[in-house]
Full PDB file with SEQRES, HELIX, SHEET, SSBOND, CRYST1, ORIGX, SCALE, CONECT and MASTER records, all heavy atoms in Angstrom:
SEQRES   1 A   33  THR LEU ALA ASP PHE ASP GLY ASP GLY ASN LEU ASP ILE          
SEQRES   2 A   33  TYR ILE GLY ASN TYR PHE PRO ASP SER PRO VAL LEU ASP          
SEQRES   3 A   33  PRO GLY GLU ASN GLY GLY VAL                                  
SHEET    1 AA1 2 LEU A   2  ALA A   3  0                                        
SHEET    2 AA1 2 ASP A  12  ILE A  13 -1                                        
CRYST1    1.000    1.000    1.000  90.00  90.00  90.00 P 1           1          
ORIGX1      1.000000  0.000000  0.000000        0.00000                         
ORIGX2      0.000000  1.000000  0.000000        0.00000                         
ORIGX3      0.000000  0.000000  1.000000        0.00000                         
SCALE1      1.000000  0.000000  0.000000        0.00000                         
SCALE2      0.000000  1.000000  0.000000        0.00000                         
SCALE3      0.000000  0.000000  1.000000        0.00000                         
ATOM      1  N   THR A   1     102.562 225.402 233.794  1.00  0.00           N  
ATOM      2  CA  THR A   1     101.557 224.406 234.137  1.00  0.00           C  
ATOM      3  C   THR A   1     100.182 225.046 234.111  1.00  0.00           C  
ATOM      4  O   THR A   1     100.034 226.262 234.323  1.00  0.00           O  
ATOM      5  CB  THR A   1     101.837 223.761 235.507  1.00  0.00           C  
ATOM      6  OG1 THR A   1     101.027 222.600 235.669  1.00  0.00           O  
ATOM      7  CG2 THR A   1     101.579 224.720 236.658  1.00  0.00           C  
ATOM      8  N   LEU A   2      99.166 224.232 233.833  1.00  0.00           N  
ATOM      9  CA  LEU A   2      97.777 224.660 233.773  1.00  0.00           C  
ATOM     10  C   LEU A   2      97.038 224.157 235.006  1.00  0.00           C  
ATOM     11  O   LEU A   2      97.177 222.996 235.395  1.00  0.00           O  
ATOM     12  CB  LEU A   2      97.089 224.105 232.524  1.00  0.00           C  
ATOM     13  CG  LEU A   2      97.665 224.487 231.161  1.00  0.00           C  
ATOM     14  CD1 LEU A   2      96.972 223.686 230.062  1.00  0.00           C  
ATOM     15  CD2 LEU A   2      97.495 225.969 230.915  1.00  0.00           C  
ATOM     16  N   ALA A   3      96.233 225.025 235.604  1.00  0.00           N  
ATOM     17  CA  ALA A   3      95.424 224.626 236.748  1.00  0.00           C  
ATOM     18  C   ALA A   3      94.370 225.701 236.988  1.00  0.00           C  
ATOM     19  O   ALA A   3      94.554 226.864 236.616  1.00  0.00           O  
ATOM     20  CB  ALA A   3      96.283 224.437 238.001  1.00  0.00           C  
ATOM     21  N   ASP A   4      93.284 225.306 237.612  1.00  0.00           N  
ATOM     22  CA  ASP A   4      92.264 226.274 238.026  1.00  0.00           C  
ATOM     23  C   ASP A   4      92.681 226.810 239.390  1.00  0.00           C  
ATOM     24  O   ASP A   4      92.200 226.363 240.426  1.00  0.00           O  
ATOM     25  CB  ASP A   4      90.896 225.591 238.079  1.00  0.00           C  
ATOM     26  CG  ASP A   4      89.788 226.537 238.523  1.00  0.00           C  
ATOM     27  OD1 ASP A   4      90.038 227.758 238.632  1.00  0.00           O  
ATOM     28  OD2 ASP A   4      88.666 226.048 238.776  1.00  0.00           O  
ATOM     29  N   PHE A   5      93.575 227.785 239.382  1.00  0.00           N  
ATOM     30  CA  PHE A   5      94.163 228.250 240.640  1.00  0.00           C  
ATOM     31  C   PHE A   5      93.165 229.008 241.510  1.00  0.00           C  
ATOM     32  O   PHE A   5      93.258 228.947 242.739  1.00  0.00           O  
ATOM     33  CB  PHE A   5      95.383 229.124 240.363  1.00  0.00           C  
ATOM     34  CG  PHE A   5      96.596 228.353 239.910  1.00  0.00           C  
ATOM     35  CD1 PHE A   5      97.041 228.438 238.609  1.00  0.00           C  
ATOM     36  CD2 PHE A   5      97.278 227.521 240.785  1.00  0.00           C  
ATOM     37  CE1 PHE A   5      98.152 227.722 238.181  1.00  0.00           C  
ATOM     38  CE2 PHE A   5      98.386 226.800 240.373  1.00  0.00           C  
ATOM     39  CZ  PHE A   5      98.827 226.901 239.067  1.00  0.00           C  
ATOM     40  N   ASP A   6      92.215 229.737 240.911  1.00  0.00           N  
ATOM     41  CA  ASP A   6      91.291 230.522 241.731  1.00  0.00           C  
ATOM     42  C   ASP A   6      89.942 229.842 241.938  1.00  0.00           C  
ATOM     43  O   ASP A   6      89.049 230.412 242.564  1.00  0.00           O  
ATOM     44  CB  ASP A   6      91.087 231.924 241.143  1.00  0.00           C  
ATOM     45  CG  ASP A   6      90.441 231.908 239.763  1.00  0.00           C  
ATOM     46  OD1 ASP A   6      90.347 230.819 239.166  1.00  0.00           O  
ATOM     47  OD2 ASP A   6      90.057 232.988 239.285  1.00  0.00           O  
ATOM     48  N   GLY A   7      89.761 228.628 241.407  1.00  0.00           N  
ATOM     49  CA  GLY A   7      88.553 227.866 241.666  1.00  0.00           C  
ATOM     50  C   GLY A   7      87.313 228.407 240.996  1.00  0.00           C  
ATOM     51  O   GLY A   7      86.200 228.188 241.489  1.00  0.00           O  
ATOM     52  N   ASP A   8      87.465 229.070 239.822  1.00  0.00           N  
ATOM     53  CA  ASP A   8      86.295 229.592 239.120  1.00  0.00           C  
ATOM     54  C   ASP A   8      85.812 228.668 238.013  1.00  0.00           C  
ATOM     55  O   ASP A   8      84.890 229.003 237.273  1.00  0.00           O  
ATOM     56  CB  ASP A   8      86.578 230.987 238.561  1.00  0.00           C  
ATOM     57  CG  ASP A   8      87.610 230.987 237.433  1.00  0.00           C  
ATOM     58  OD1 ASP A   8      88.245 229.930 237.185  1.00  0.00           O  
ATOM     59  OD2 ASP A   8      87.802 232.047 236.809  1.00  0.00           O  
ATOM     60  N   GLY A   9      86.455 227.501 237.871  1.00  0.00           N  
ATOM     61  CA  GLY A   9      86.054 226.542 236.860  1.00  0.00           C  
ATOM     62  C   GLY A   9      86.789 226.658 235.547  1.00  0.00           C  
ATOM     63  O   GLY A   9      86.488 225.932 234.597  1.00  0.00           O  
ATOM     64  N   ASN A  10      87.782 227.564 235.449  1.00  0.00           N  
ATOM     65  CA  ASN A  10      88.543 227.773 234.221  1.00  0.00           C  
ATOM     66  C   ASN A  10      90.034 227.611 234.489  1.00  0.00           C  
ATOM     67  O   ASN A  10      90.507 227.788 235.622  1.00  0.00           O  
ATOM     68  CB  ASN A  10      88.279 229.179 233.667  1.00  0.00           C  
ATOM     69  CG  ASN A  10      86.819 229.399 233.329  1.00  0.00           C  
ATOM     70  OD1 ASN A  10      86.277 228.763 232.436  1.00  0.00           O  
ATOM     71  ND2 ASN A  10      86.174 230.293 234.068  1.00  0.00           N  
ATOM     72  N   LEU A  11      90.771 227.287 233.427  1.00  0.00           N  
ATOM     73  CA  LEU A  11      92.203 227.027 233.565  1.00  0.00           C  
ATOM     74  C   LEU A  11      93.006 228.322 233.548  1.00  0.00           C  
ATOM     75  O   LEU A  11      92.866 229.153 232.647  1.00  0.00           O  
ATOM     76  CB  LEU A  11      92.697 226.126 232.430  1.00  0.00           C  
ATOM     77  CG  LEU A  11      92.266 224.666 232.471  1.00  0.00           C  
ATOM     78  CD1 LEU A  11      92.855 223.917 231.289  1.00  0.00           C  
ATOM     79  CD2 LEU A  11      92.686 224.015 233.781  1.00  0.00           C  
ATOM     80  N   ASP A  12      93.864 228.471 234.545  1.00  0.00           N  
ATOM     81  CA  ASP A  12      94.836 229.558 234.604  1.00  0.00           C  
ATOM     82  C   ASP A  12      96.206 229.003 234.240  1.00  0.00           C  
ATOM     83  O   ASP A  12      96.391 227.781 234.121  1.00  0.00           O  
ATOM     84  CB  ASP A  12      94.845 230.172 236.011  1.00  0.00           C  
ATOM     85  CG  ASP A  12      93.441 230.508 236.498  1.00  0.00           C  
ATOM     86  OD1 ASP A  12      92.764 231.306 235.814  1.00  0.00           O  
ATOM     87  OD2 ASP A  12      93.021 229.964 237.533  1.00  0.00           O  
ATOM     88  N   ILE A  13      97.190 229.887 234.084  1.00  0.00           N  
ATOM     89  CA  ILE A  13      98.508 229.466 233.617  1.00  0.00           C  
ATOM     90  C   ILE A  13      99.584 230.027 234.540  1.00  0.00           C  
ATOM     91  O   ILE A  13      99.630 231.235 234.788  1.00  0.00           O  
ATOM     92  CB  ILE A  13      98.779 229.951 232.178  1.00  0.00           C  
ATOM     93  CG1 ILE A  13      97.704 229.452 231.218  1.00  0.00           C  
ATOM     94  CG2 ILE A  13     100.158 229.502 231.713  1.00  0.00           C  
ATOM     95  CD1 ILE A  13      97.821 230.030 229.815  1.00  0.00           C  
ATOM     96  N   TYR A  14     100.440 229.140 235.036  1.00  0.00           N  
ATOM     97  CA  TYR A  14     101.661 229.570 235.723  1.00  0.00           C  
ATOM     98  C   TYR A  14     102.821 229.509 234.736  1.00  0.00           C  
ATOM     99  O   TYR A  14     102.995 228.512 234.026  1.00  0.00           O  
ATOM    100  CB  TYR A  14     101.968 228.680 236.926  1.00  0.00           C  
ATOM    101  CG  TYR A  14     103.401 228.829 237.403  1.00  0.00           C  
ATOM    102  CD1 TYR A  14     103.796 229.923 238.167  1.00  0.00           C  
ATOM    103  CD2 TYR A  14     104.378 227.890 237.053  1.00  0.00           C  
ATOM    104  CE1 TYR A  14     105.112 230.079 238.569  1.00  0.00           C  
ATOM    105  CE2 TYR A  14     105.693 228.036 237.458  1.00  0.00           C  
ATOM    106  CZ  TYR A  14     106.055 229.139 238.214  1.00  0.00           C  
ATOM    107  OH  TYR A  14     107.358 229.287 238.602  1.00  0.00           O  
ATOM    108  N   ILE A  15     103.627 230.571 234.687  1.00  0.00           N  
ATOM    109  CA  ILE A  15     104.803 230.634 233.836  1.00  0.00           C  
ATOM    110  C   ILE A  15     106.026 230.852 234.715  1.00  0.00           C  
ATOM    111  O   ILE A  15     106.095 231.832 235.476  1.00  0.00           O  
ATOM    112  CB  ILE A  15     104.704 231.793 232.815  1.00  0.00           C  
ATOM    113  CG1 ILE A  15     103.527 231.560 231.861  1.00  0.00           C  
ATOM    114  CG2 ILE A  15     106.006 231.955 232.043  1.00  0.00           C  
ATOM    115  CD1 ILE A  15     103.697 230.402 230.921  1.00  0.00           C  
ATOM    116  N   GLY A  16     107.011 229.945 234.627  1.00  0.00           N  
ATOM    117  CA  GLY A  16     108.254 230.063 235.387  1.00  0.00           C  
ATOM    118  C   GLY A  16     109.412 230.370 234.459  1.00  0.00           C  
ATOM    119  O   GLY A  16     109.735 229.558 233.578  1.00  0.00           O  
ATOM    120  N   ASN A  17     110.049 231.522 234.638  1.00  0.00           N  
ATOM    121  CA  ASN A  17     111.155 231.936 233.781  1.00  0.00           C  
ATOM    122  C   ASN A  17     112.501 231.609 234.411  1.00  0.00           C  
ATOM    123  O   ASN A  17     112.643 231.556 235.641  1.00  0.00           O  
ATOM    124  CB  ASN A  17     111.069 233.430 233.475  1.00  0.00           C  
ATOM    125  CG  ASN A  17     109.958 233.748 232.489  1.00  0.00           C  
ATOM    126  OD1 ASN A  17     109.568 232.887 231.698  1.00  0.00           O  
ATOM    127  ND2 ASN A  17     109.430 234.954 232.531  1.00  0.00           N  
ATOM    128  N   TYR A  18     113.481 231.408 233.554  1.00  0.00           N  
ATOM    129  CA  TYR A  18     114.826 231.028 233.990  1.00  0.00           C  
ATOM    130  C   TYR A  18     115.744 232.260 233.967  1.00  0.00           C  
ATOM    131  O   TYR A  18     115.941 232.906 234.998  1.00  0.00           O  
ATOM    132  CB  TYR A  18     115.360 229.914 233.087  1.00  0.00           C  
ATOM    133  CG  TYR A  18     116.635 229.270 233.595  1.00  0.00           C  
ATOM    134  CD1 TYR A  18     116.608 228.432 234.709  1.00  0.00           C  
ATOM    135  CD2 TYR A  18     117.849 229.483 232.969  1.00  0.00           C  
ATOM    136  CE1 TYR A  18     117.761 227.826 235.180  1.00  0.00           C  
ATOM    137  CE2 TYR A  18     119.010 228.881 233.429  1.00  0.00           C  
ATOM    138  CZ  TYR A  18     118.967 228.059 234.533  1.00  0.00           C  
ATOM    139  OH  TYR A  18     120.111 227.470 235.002  1.00  0.00           O  
ATOM    140  N   PHE A  19     116.285 232.621 232.802  1.00  0.00           N  
ATOM    141  CA  PHE A  19     117.059 233.853 232.710  1.00  0.00           C  
ATOM    142  C   PHE A  19     116.136 235.064 232.861  1.00  0.00           C  
ATOM    143  O   PHE A  19     114.967 235.008 232.474  1.00  0.00           O  
ATOM    144  CB  PHE A  19     117.762 233.946 231.350  1.00  0.00           C  
ATOM    145  CG  PHE A  19     118.942 233.016 231.200  1.00  0.00           C  
ATOM    146  CD1 PHE A  19     118.818 231.838 230.490  1.00  0.00           C  
ATOM    147  CD2 PHE A  19     120.173 233.332 231.753  1.00  0.00           C  
ATOM    148  CE1 PHE A  19     119.891 230.980 230.338  1.00  0.00           C  
ATOM    149  CE2 PHE A  19     121.259 232.479 231.606  1.00  0.00           C  
ATOM    150  CZ  PHE A  19     121.122 231.307 230.906  1.00  0.00           C  
ATOM    151  N   PRO A  20     116.644 236.179 233.388  1.00  0.00           N  
ATOM    152  CA  PRO A  20     115.864 237.419 233.324  1.00  0.00           C  
ATOM    153  C   PRO A  20     115.576 237.780 231.869  1.00  0.00           C  
ATOM    154  O   PRO A  20     116.252 237.298 230.952  1.00  0.00           O  
ATOM    155  CB  PRO A  20     116.790 238.454 233.973  1.00  0.00           C  
ATOM    156  CG  PRO A  20     117.805 237.676 234.731  1.00  0.00           C  
ATOM    157  CD  PRO A  20     117.961 236.365 234.019  1.00  0.00           C  
ATOM    158  N   ASP A  21     114.571 238.610 231.669  1.00  0.00           N  
ATOM    159  CA  ASP A  21     114.227 239.037 230.313  1.00  0.00           C  
ATOM    160  C   ASP A  21     115.466 239.655 229.667  1.00  0.00           C  
ATOM    161  O   ASP A  21     115.946 240.714 230.100  1.00  0.00           O  
ATOM    162  CB  ASP A  21     113.100 240.069 230.344  1.00  0.00           C  
ATOM    163  CG  ASP A  21     111.824 239.506 230.951  1.00  0.00           C  
ATOM    164  OD1 ASP A  21     111.834 238.351 231.403  1.00  0.00           O  
ATOM    165  OD2 ASP A  21     110.820 240.236 230.969  1.00  0.00           O  
ATOM    166  N   SER A  22     115.979 238.995 228.622  1.00  0.00           N  
ATOM    167  CA  SER A  22     117.246 239.433 228.031  1.00  0.00           C  
ATOM    168  C   SER A  22     117.474 238.698 226.715  1.00  0.00           C  
ATOM    169  O   SER A  22     116.886 237.641 226.474  1.00  0.00           O  
ATOM    170  CB  SER A  22     118.416 239.158 228.989  1.00  0.00           C  
ATOM    171  OG  SER A  22     118.445 237.794 229.381  1.00  0.00           O  
ATOM    172  N   PRO A  23     118.377 239.224 225.857  1.00  0.00           N  
ATOM    173  CA  PRO A  23     118.621 238.620 224.534  1.00  0.00           C  
ATOM    174  C   PRO A  23     119.585 237.443 224.594  1.00  0.00           C  
ATOM    175  O   PRO A  23     120.687 237.478 224.046  1.00  0.00           O  
ATOM    176  CB  PRO A  23     119.205 239.789 223.745  1.00  0.00           C  
ATOM    177  CG  PRO A  23     119.920 240.604 224.757  1.00  0.00           C  
ATOM    178  CD  PRO A  23     119.106 240.501 226.014  1.00  0.00           C  
ATOM    179  N   VAL A  24     119.160 236.355 225.239  1.00  0.00           N  
ATOM    180  CA  VAL A  24     120.037 235.205 225.477  1.00  0.00           C  
ATOM    181  C   VAL A  24     120.526 234.593 224.159  1.00  0.00           C  
ATOM    182  O   VAL A  24     121.698 234.210 224.042  1.00  0.00           O  
ATOM    183  CB  VAL A  24     119.296 234.151 226.320  1.00  0.00           C  
ATOM    184  CG1 VAL A  24     120.124 232.873 226.443  1.00  0.00           C  
ATOM    185  CG2 VAL A  24     118.976 234.699 227.700  1.00  0.00           C  
ATOM    186  N   LEU A  25     119.652 234.519 223.155  1.00  0.00           N  
ATOM    187  CA  LEU A  25     119.972 233.794 221.924  1.00  0.00           C  
ATOM    188  C   LEU A  25     120.269 234.726 220.746  1.00  0.00           C  
ATOM    189  O   LEU A  25     120.204 234.305 219.591  1.00  0.00           O  
ATOM    190  CB  LEU A  25     118.816 232.857 221.559  1.00  0.00           C  
ATOM    191  CG  LEU A  25     118.464 231.797 222.611  1.00  0.00           C  
ATOM    192  CD1 LEU A  25     117.294 230.945 222.140  1.00  0.00           C  
ATOM    193  CD2 LEU A  25     119.660 230.914 222.936  1.00  0.00           C  
ATOM    194  N   ASP A  26     120.645 235.962 221.026  1.00  0.00           N  
ATOM    195  CA  ASP A  26     120.930 236.923 219.954  1.00  0.00           C  
ATOM    196  C   ASP A  26     122.438 237.093 219.795  1.00  0.00           C  
ATOM    197  O   ASP A  26     123.081 237.784 220.587  1.00  0.00           O  
ATOM    198  CB  ASP A  26     120.286 238.266 220.280  1.00  0.00           C  
ATOM    199  CG  ASP A  26     120.395 239.252 219.123  1.00  0.00           C  
ATOM    200  OD1 ASP A  26     121.133 238.973 218.162  1.00  0.00           O  
ATOM    201  OD2 ASP A  26     119.746 240.314 219.194  1.00  0.00           O  
ATOM    202  N   PRO A  27     123.045 236.461 218.781  1.00  0.00           N  
ATOM    203  CA  PRO A  27     124.501 236.578 218.598  1.00  0.00           C  
ATOM    204  C   PRO A  27     124.928 237.977 218.162  1.00  0.00           C  
ATOM    205  O   PRO A  27     126.117 238.303 218.213  1.00  0.00           O  
ATOM    206  CB  PRO A  27     124.804 235.548 217.502  1.00  0.00           C  
ATOM    207  CG  PRO A  27     123.531 235.425 216.737  1.00  0.00           C  
ATOM    208  CD  PRO A  27     122.427 235.619 217.738  1.00  0.00           C  
ATOM    209  N   GLY A  28     123.986 238.826 217.766  1.00  0.00           N  
ATOM    210  CA  GLY A  28     124.312 240.200 217.417  1.00  0.00           C  
ATOM    211  C   GLY A  28     124.489 241.094 218.621  1.00  0.00           C  
ATOM    212  O   GLY A  28     124.931 242.239 218.482  1.00  0.00           O  
ATOM    213  N   GLU A  29     124.121 240.583 219.800  1.00  0.00           N  
ATOM    214  CA  GLU A  29     124.310 241.321 221.049  1.00  0.00           C  
ATOM    215  C   GLU A  29     125.514 240.757 221.794  1.00  0.00           C  
ATOM    216  O   GLU A  29     125.820 239.570 221.694  1.00  0.00           O  
ATOM    217  CB  GLU A  29     123.067 241.210 221.926  1.00  0.00           C  
ATOM    218  CG  GLU A  29     121.815 241.811 221.333  1.00  0.00           C  
ATOM    219  CD  GLU A  29     121.786 243.318 221.468  1.00  0.00           C  
ATOM    220  OE1 GLU A  29     122.590 243.864 222.254  1.00  0.00           O  
ATOM    221  OE2 GLU A  29     120.960 243.961 220.781  1.00  0.00           O  
ATOM    222  N   ASN A  30     126.177 241.629 222.542  1.00  0.00           N  
ATOM    223  CA  ASN A  30     127.305 241.199 223.377  1.00  0.00           C  
ATOM    224  C   ASN A  30     127.168 241.855 224.743  1.00  0.00           C  
ATOM    225  O   ASN A  30     127.788 242.863 225.034  1.00  0.00           O  
ATOM    226  CB  ASN A  30     128.643 241.570 222.743  1.00  0.00           C  
ATOM    227  CG  ASN A  30     129.811 240.837 223.393  1.00  0.00           C  
ATOM    228  OD1 ASN A  30     129.710 240.396 224.530  1.00  0.00           O  
ATOM    229  ND2 ASN A  30     130.902 240.697 222.677  1.00  0.00           N  
ATOM    230  N   GLY A  31     126.296 241.279 225.545  1.00  0.00           N  
ATOM    231  CA  GLY A  31     126.010 241.838 226.854  1.00  0.00           C  
ATOM    232  C   GLY A  31     124.520 241.952 227.079  1.00  0.00           C  
ATOM    233  O   GLY A  31     123.696 241.463 226.295  1.00  0.00           O  
ATOM    234  N   GLY A  32     124.179 242.622 228.177  1.00  0.00           N  
ATOM    235  CA  GLY A  32     122.776 242.730 228.552  1.00  0.00           C  
ATOM    236  C   GLY A  32     122.216 241.454 229.123  1.00  0.00           C  
ATOM    237  O   GLY A  32     120.992 241.293 229.192  1.00  0.00           O  
ATOM    238  N   VAL A  33     123.097 240.532 229.524  1.00  0.00           N  
ATOM    239  CA  VAL A  33     122.693 239.245 230.072  1.00  0.00           C  
ATOM    240  C   VAL A  33     123.489 238.973 231.345  1.00  0.00           C  
ATOM    241  O   VAL A  33     124.536 239.585 231.579  1.00  0.00           O  
ATOM    242  CB  VAL A  33     122.918 238.100 229.060  1.00  0.00           C  
ATOM    243  CG1 VAL A  33     122.005 238.251 227.866  1.00  0.00           C  
ATOM    244  CG2 VAL A  33     124.370 238.061 228.604  1.00  0.00           C  
TER     245      VAL A  33                                                      
MASTER        0    0    0    0    2    0    0    6  244    1    0    3          
END                                                                             
């Protein structure tokens, strides 16, 4: 989502992740998830 979180007049960005950083969509990997 976009919002001016610190009130300086500019848009900041919140990023919400689901899986931990990992090769979720890599069929060449078997693990690490």
